[in-house]
Structure formats: structure tokens, C-alpha cells
Amino acid sequence: MLGTKEASPNKDNPPYPYGDYFVPFGSEGLDAFTRRIYGAVRDIAEKDAGPTILIVSHGMAIRRFLTVVPALAGDPTGSIGNCGIVKLQFADGKFTVEKVINPNG
């Protein structure tokens, strides 16, 4: 998501939400990133037949995914820190947040 600014200190980033700040550094805009992450998780949920799926990602990807989930849509202010856990249910083409465990929040 950060282009050439990947692995740079968070203190060097502008305040969240970033919008298109990282585009000049070879990244995609925040909306495109959000669509890509949501689409990837949705594809996994739709194609996997198992009862439980584990997806591991970094906090920003999880944070952006959660802005699209109906229960949290429009509330991108929360932050998922390192080792955060989000338990979701996927049924009838919809995600439902069952639990958020945020050890840094």
C-alpha cells in the first residue's frame, strides 16, 4: 500500500486517512487499496469450503477491510494494532463482525 515508503516509520506518514498521499511513491490510492483488500477477502470467503479460514495481514489492510463491512461502514477511525484479531462470519454474501480483539487498543 505504501509504495517506496513501505517500511518507513509511521511518524513520517500524514494523519489517517491517507487518501492518495502514497500514489506519487508508486502506491495505489486508499480507495483502490480498500477495494482490493475487500475483494481478496471476499474471494477467499466465497471459494473456500472450510468451516474456518485464517487470514493474516497487517493492521492497515484489516482497518480498511473493516470500513466496508456493513456493521462498521463509515467508521474508519478505529485502528487494529499488531496481533489484533477480527472474527468474522460470512453468510449469504455478507460479512458480520463477531468479535474484535485489539491488544493495543
C-alpha atoms as a PDB file:
ATOM      1  CA  MET A   1       0.000   0.000   0.000  1.00  0.00           C
ATOM      2  CA  LEU A   2       2.867   2.430   0.653  1.00  0.00           C
ATOM      3  CA  GLY A   3       4.994   2.068  -2.487  1.00  0.00           C
ATOM      4  CA  THR A   4       8.579   3.198  -1.943  1.00  0.00           C
ATOM      5  CA  LYS A   5       7.592   4.456   1.515  1.00  0.00           C
ATOM      6  CA  GLU A   6       6.977   0.854   2.624  1.00  0.00           C
ATOM      7  CA  ALA A   7       8.750   0.142   5.933  1.00  0.00           C
ATOM      8  CA  SER A   8       9.207   3.853   6.645  1.00  0.00           C
ATOM      9  CA  PRO A   9       8.397   4.973  10.198  1.00  0.00           C
ATOM     10  CA  ASN A  10       4.686   5.611  10.842  1.00  0.00           C
ATOM     11  CA  LYS A  11       5.574   9.039  12.251  1.00  0.00           C
ATOM     12  CA  ASP A  12       6.553  10.059   8.702  1.00  0.00           C
ATOM     13  CA  ASN A  13       3.031   9.402   7.390  1.00  0.00           C
ATOM     14  CA  PRO A  14       0.363  12.091   7.222  1.00  0.00           C
ATOM     15  CA  PRO A  15      -2.657  11.759   9.518  1.00  0.00           C
ATOM     16  CA  TYR A  16      -5.062   8.951   8.634  1.00  0.00           C
ATOM     17  CA  PRO A  17      -6.944   8.639   6.304  1.00  0.00           C
ATOM     18  CA  TYR A  18      -4.195   8.948   3.725  1.00  0.00           C
ATOM     19  CA  GLY A  19      -6.288   9.398   0.591  1.00  0.00           C
ATOM     20  CA  ASP A  20      -3.928   9.481  -2.414  1.00  0.00           C
ATOM     21  CA  TYR A  21      -0.850  10.593  -0.441  1.00  0.00           C
ATOM     22  CA  PHE A  22       1.155   7.461  -1.346  1.00  0.00           C
ATOM     23  CA  VAL A  23       0.317   7.449  -5.082  1.00  0.00           C
ATOM     24  CA  PRO A  24       3.407   9.522  -6.065  1.00  0.00           C
ATOM     25  CA  PHE A  25       5.527   6.906  -4.254  1.00  0.00           C
ATOM     26  CA  GLY A  26       4.319   4.096  -6.527  1.00  0.00           C
ATOM     27  CA  SER A  27       1.308   3.041  -4.498  1.00  0.00           C
ATOM     28  CA  GLU A  28      -2.393   2.914  -5.145  1.00  0.00           C
ATOM     29  CA  GLY A  29      -4.848   5.331  -3.561  1.00  0.00           C
ATOM     30  CA  LEU A  30      -6.611   4.436  -0.334  1.00  0.00           C
ATOM     31  CA  ASP A  31      -9.951   3.700  -2.030  1.00  0.00           C
ATOM     32  CA  ALA A  32      -8.322   1.372  -4.590  1.00  0.00           C
ATOM     33  CA  PHE A  33      -6.401  -0.363  -1.803  1.00  0.00           C
ATOM     34  CA  THR A  34      -9.622  -0.823   0.177  1.00  0.00           C
ATOM     35  CA  ARG A  35     -11.440  -2.316  -2.824  1.00  0.00           C
ATOM     36  CA  ARG A  36      -8.533  -4.683  -3.491  1.00  0.00           C
ATOM     37  CA  ILE A  37      -8.332  -5.906   0.111  1.00  0.00           C
ATOM     38  CA  TYR A  38     -12.101  -6.324   0.460  1.00  0.00           C
ATOM     39  CA  GLY A  39     -12.258  -8.169  -2.876  1.00  0.00           C
ATOM     40  CA  ALA A  40      -9.449 -10.530  -1.896  1.00  0.00           C
ATOM     41  CA  VAL A  41     -11.048 -11.434   1.438  1.00  0.00           C
ATOM     42  CA  ARG A  42     -14.443 -11.851  -0.199  1.00  0.00           C
ATOM     43  CA  ASP A  43     -12.944 -14.122  -2.884  1.00  0.00           C
ATOM     44  CA  ILE A  44     -11.361 -16.299  -0.199  1.00  0.00           C
ATOM     45  CA  ALA A  45     -14.621 -16.488   1.758  1.00  0.00           C
ATOM     46  CA  GLU A  46     -16.656 -17.390  -1.329  1.00  0.00           C
ATOM     47  CA  LYS A  47     -14.264 -20.020  -2.695  1.00  0.00           C
ATOM     48  CA  ASP A  48     -13.182 -21.828   0.469  1.00  0.00           C
ATOM     49  CA  ALA A  49     -15.475 -24.625   1.615  1.00  0.00           C
ATOM     50  CA  GLY A  50     -13.930 -24.991   5.078  1.00  0.00           C
ATOM     51  CA  PRO A  51     -15.778 -24.006   8.240  1.00  0.00           C
ATOM     52  CA  THR A  52     -12.883 -21.830   9.460  1.00  0.00           C
ATOM     53  CA  ILE A  53     -10.475 -19.672   7.477  1.00  0.00           C
ATOM     54  CA  LEU A  54      -7.450 -17.865   8.877  1.00  0.00           C
ATOM     55  CA  ILE A  55      -6.272 -14.778   7.008  1.00  0.00           C
ATOM     56  CA  VAL A  56      -3.222 -12.939   8.313  1.00  0.00           C
ATOM     57  CA  SER A  57      -2.445  -9.382   7.282  1.00  0.00           C
ATOM     58  CA  HIS A  58      -1.132  -6.083   8.556  1.00  0.00           C
ATOM     59  CA  GLY A  59      -3.219  -3.621  10.538  1.00  0.00           C
ATOM     60  CA  MET A  60      -3.865  -1.132   7.725  1.00  0.00           C
ATOM     61  CA  ALA A  61      -5.306  -3.821   5.447  1.00  0.00           C
ATOM     62  CA  ILE A  62      -7.560  -5.042   8.238  1.00  0.00           C
ATOM     63  CA  ARG A  63      -8.537  -1.488   9.135  1.00  0.00           C
ATOM     64  CA  ARG A  64      -9.507  -0.717   5.542  1.00  0.00           C
ATOM     65  CA  PHE A  65     -11.396  -4.006   5.155  1.00  0.00           C
ATOM     66  CA  LEU A  66     -13.451  -3.149   8.232  1.00  0.00           C
ATOM     67  CA  THR A  67     -14.518   0.195   6.745  1.00  0.00           C
ATOM     68  CA  VAL A  68     -16.509  -1.754   4.142  1.00  0.00           C
ATOM     69  CA  VAL A  69     -18.133  -4.297   6.463  1.00  0.00           C
ATOM     70  CA  PRO A  70     -21.719  -3.073   6.992  1.00  0.00           C
ATOM     71  CA  ALA A  71     -21.571  -3.104  10.792  1.00  0.00           C
ATOM     72  CA  LEU A  72     -18.599  -0.752  10.681  1.00  0.00           C
ATOM     73  CA  ALA A  73     -19.033   1.014   7.345  1.00  0.00           C
ATOM     74  CA  GLY A  74     -18.306   4.707   7.537  1.00  0.00           C
ATOM     75  CA  ASP A  75     -16.264   4.366  10.735  1.00  0.00           C
ATOM     76  CA  PRO A  76     -12.636   4.161   9.584  1.00  0.00           C
ATOM     77  CA  THR A  77     -11.354   5.781  12.786  1.00  0.00           C
ATOM     78  CA  GLY A  78     -10.594   2.603  14.685  1.00  0.00           C
ATOM     79  CA  SER A  79      -7.163   1.089  14.482  1.00  0.00           C
ATOM     80  CA  ILE A  80      -6.199  -2.557  14.545  1.00  0.00           C
ATOM     81  CA  GLY A  81      -2.767  -2.916  16.090  1.00  0.00           C
ATOM     82  CA  ASN A  82      -0.175  -5.655  15.926  1.00  0.00           C
ATOM     83  CA  CYS A  83      -1.598  -9.054  16.885  1.00  0.00           C
ATOM     84  CA  GLY A  84      -5.173  -7.766  16.506  1.00  0.00           C
ATOM     85  CA  ILE A  85      -7.855 -10.342  15.774  1.00  0.00           C
ATOM     86  CA  VAL A  86     -11.152  -9.887  13.966  1.00  0.00           C
ATOM     87  CA  LYS A  87     -13.575 -12.797  13.988  1.00  0.00           C
ATOM     88  CA  LEU A  88     -15.980 -12.633  11.053  1.00  0.00           C
ATOM     89  CA  GLN A  89     -18.911 -14.656   9.853  1.00  0.00           C
ATOM     90  CA  PHE A  90     -19.599 -14.870   6.118  1.00  0.00           C
ATOM     91  CA  ALA A  91     -23.087 -15.967   5.104  1.00  0.00           C
ATOM     92  CA  ASP A  92     -25.400 -15.122   2.218  1.00  0.00           C
ATOM     93  CA  GLY A  93     -22.669 -12.992   0.632  1.00  0.00           C
ATOM     94  CA  LYS A  94     -22.269 -10.751   3.700  1.00  0.00           C
ATOM     95  CA  PHE A  95     -19.653 -10.350   6.401  1.00  0.00           C
ATOM     96  CA  THR A  96     -20.632  -9.881  10.021  1.00  0.00           C
ATOM     97  CA  VAL A  97     -18.134  -8.887  12.702  1.00  0.00           C
ATOM     98  CA  GLU A  98     -18.492 -11.267  15.633  1.00  0.00           C
ATOM     99  CA  LYS A  99     -15.606 -10.049  17.741  1.00  0.00           C
ATOM    100  CA  VAL A 100     -12.659  -7.658  17.655  1.00  0.00           C
ATOM    101  CA  ILE A 101      -9.713  -8.294  19.943  1.00  0.00           C
ATOM    102  CA  ASN A 102      -7.289  -5.395  19.826  1.00  0.00           C
ATOM    103  CA  PRO A 103      -4.488  -5.855  22.370  1.00  0.00           C
ATOM    104  CA  ASN A 104      -3.080  -2.420  21.513  1.00  0.00           C
ATOM    105  CA  GLY A 105      -6.387  -0.542  21.700  1.00  0.00           C
END
